[in-house]
């Protein structure tokens, strides 16, 4: 399995259940691993055979700009499903963390793995 990764991808978004969280964007840090649908790119060296990282980043940025999620769980699930569905990835692993929310804790968050459901 060939996996591309985006590490320490920081994005500001409205996240949370408290009234202030619905008004003040917070920075969350994403770490994403995306299994490639095929190994074509490593053989052909053609961008058409690769998964376009920048499109993934653009999609995530626009999703998080448009939607307010209450929970990191829901946010990561939405990103995972988008990558599986729109980019044809067979497997994805995503961690999302809020930064410095609790004194003494640098990051707190969730990590999920999802696969294509083969019907």
Protein backbone atom coordinates (compact mmCIF):
# COMPACT_ATOMS: atom_id res chain seq x y z
CA UNK A 1 0.00 0.00 0.00
CA UNK A 2 1.33 3.45 -0.94
CA UNK A 3 0.40 6.20 1.48
CA UNK A 4 0.77 9.95 1.16
CA UNK A 5 0.74 12.05 4.29
CA UNK A 6 0.04 15.62 5.31
CA UNK A 7 1.60 16.41 8.66
CA UNK A 8 0.92 19.31 11.02
CA UNK A 9 -1.65 20.80 8.66
CA UNK A 10 -3.01 23.72 10.70
CA UNK A 11 -6.33 25.30 9.91
CA UNK A 12 -8.56 27.78 11.71
CA UNK A 13 -12.16 26.71 12.08
CA UNK A 14 -15.16 27.07 14.33
CA UNK A 15 -15.19 23.96 16.47
CA UNK A 16 -16.85 23.24 19.77
CA UNK A 17 -19.94 23.30 21.91
CA UNK A 18 -19.35 26.37 24.08
CA UNK A 19 -20.83 29.74 23.07
CA UNK A 20 -17.37 31.31 22.62
CA UNK A 21 -16.33 28.40 20.39
CA UNK A 22 -19.20 29.19 18.04
CA UNK A 23 -17.80 32.71 17.55
CA UNK A 24 -14.03 32.43 17.81
CA UNK A 25 -12.17 30.24 15.31
CA UNK A 26 -9.64 27.89 16.84
CA UNK A 27 -6.57 26.42 15.23
CA UNK A 28 -6.73 22.70 14.87
CA UNK A 29 -3.89 20.53 13.69
CA UNK A 30 -4.56 17.70 11.27
CA UNK A 31 -2.32 14.77 10.46
CA UNK A 32 -3.62 12.80 7.52
CA UNK A 33 -2.52 9.58 5.86
CA UNK A 34 -4.16 8.66 2.57
CA UNK A 35 -3.74 5.32 0.86
CA UNK A 36 -3.39 5.72 -2.89
CA UNK A 37 -5.96 4.01 -5.09
CA UNK A 38 -3.13 2.47 -7.14
CA UNK A 39 0.63 2.35 -7.41
CA UNK A 40 0.51 3.85 -10.93
CA UNK A 41 2.22 7.10 -10.00
CA UNK A 42 5.33 5.39 -8.64
CA UNK A 43 5.73 3.58 -11.96
CA UNK A 44 4.73 6.25 -14.49
CA UNK A 45 5.89 9.47 -12.79
CA UNK A 46 2.78 11.18 -14.21
CA UNK A 47 0.72 13.57 -12.10
CA UNK A 48 -2.46 12.20 -13.73
CA UNK A 49 -1.78 8.90 -11.96
CA UNK A 50 -1.22 10.54 -8.59
CA UNK A 51 -3.55 11.84 -5.94
CA UNK A 52 -3.31 15.64 -5.96
CA UNK A 53 -2.35 16.71 -2.43
CA UNK A 54 -3.22 20.35 -3.10
CA UNK A 55 -6.79 19.43 -4.05
CA UNK A 56 -7.15 17.53 -0.78
CA UNK A 57 -5.93 20.59 1.14
CA UNK A 58 -8.26 22.92 -0.79
CA UNK A 59 -11.28 20.67 -0.13
CA UNK A 60 -10.53 20.47 3.59
CA UNK A 61 -9.99 24.24 3.84
CA UNK A 62 -13.28 25.00 2.13
CA UNK A 63 -15.18 22.39 4.18
CA UNK A 64 -13.90 23.84 7.45
CA UNK A 65 -14.57 27.41 6.33
CA UNK A 66 -18.21 26.60 5.54
CA UNK A 67 -19.22 24.32 8.40
CA UNK A 68 -19.21 24.63 12.15
CA UNK A 69 -18.68 21.29 13.82
CA UNK A 70 -19.42 20.76 17.49
CA UNK A 71 -17.11 17.78 17.86
CA UNK A 72 -13.70 16.83 16.51
CA UNK A 73 -15.21 13.36 16.01
CA UNK A 74 -17.68 14.71 13.46
CA UNK A 75 -15.09 16.90 11.77
CA UNK A 76 -12.64 14.01 11.26
CA UNK A 77 -15.44 11.73 10.04
CA UNK A 78 -16.49 14.30 7.42
CA UNK A 79 -12.92 14.70 6.18
CA UNK A 80 -12.42 10.93 6.05
CA UNK A 81 -15.59 10.31 4.05
CA UNK A 82 -14.76 13.14 1.64
CA UNK A 83 -11.31 11.67 0.94
CA UNK A 84 -12.66 8.13 0.49
CA UNK A 85 -15.49 9.26 -1.77
CA UNK A 86 -14.00 12.08 -3.80
CA UNK A 87 -10.44 10.84 -4.18
CA UNK A 88 -11.14 7.11 -4.37
CA UNK A 89 -8.73 6.31 -1.58
CA UNK A 90 -9.16 2.80 -0.15
CA UNK A 91 -8.05 3.80 3.37
CA UNK A 92 -7.47 6.95 5.37
CA UNK A 93 -6.17 7.78 8.83
CA UNK A 94 -6.83 11.21 10.29
CA UNK A 95 -5.96 12.80 13.58
CA UNK A 96 -7.37 16.17 14.58
CA UNK A 97 -6.22 18.04 17.65
CA UNK A 98 -7.07 21.25 19.42
CA UNK A 99 -3.94 23.05 20.56
CA UNK A 100 -3.25 24.31 24.09
CA UNK A 101 -6.88 24.09 25.21
CA UNK A 102 -6.07 22.62 28.62
CA UNK A 103 -3.11 23.97 30.58
CA UNK A 104 -0.18 21.59 30.33
CA UNK A 105 -1.64 19.72 27.36
CA UNK A 106 -0.11 20.65 24.01
CA UNK A 107 -2.67 18.80 21.91
CA UNK A 108 -5.87 16.95 22.58
CA UNK A 109 -7.85 15.23 19.92
CA UNK A 110 -8.92 12.12 18.12
CA UNK A 111 -7.47 9.73 15.59
CA UNK A 112 -9.66 7.66 13.25
CA UNK A 113 -9.08 5.13 10.50
CA UNK A 114 -11.65 4.49 7.79
CA UNK A 115 -11.74 2.17 4.78
CA UNK A 116 -13.88 1.98 1.68
CA UNK A 117 -16.91 -0.10 2.53
CA UNK A 118 -17.17 -2.76 -0.12
CA UNK A 119 -20.83 -3.44 -0.68
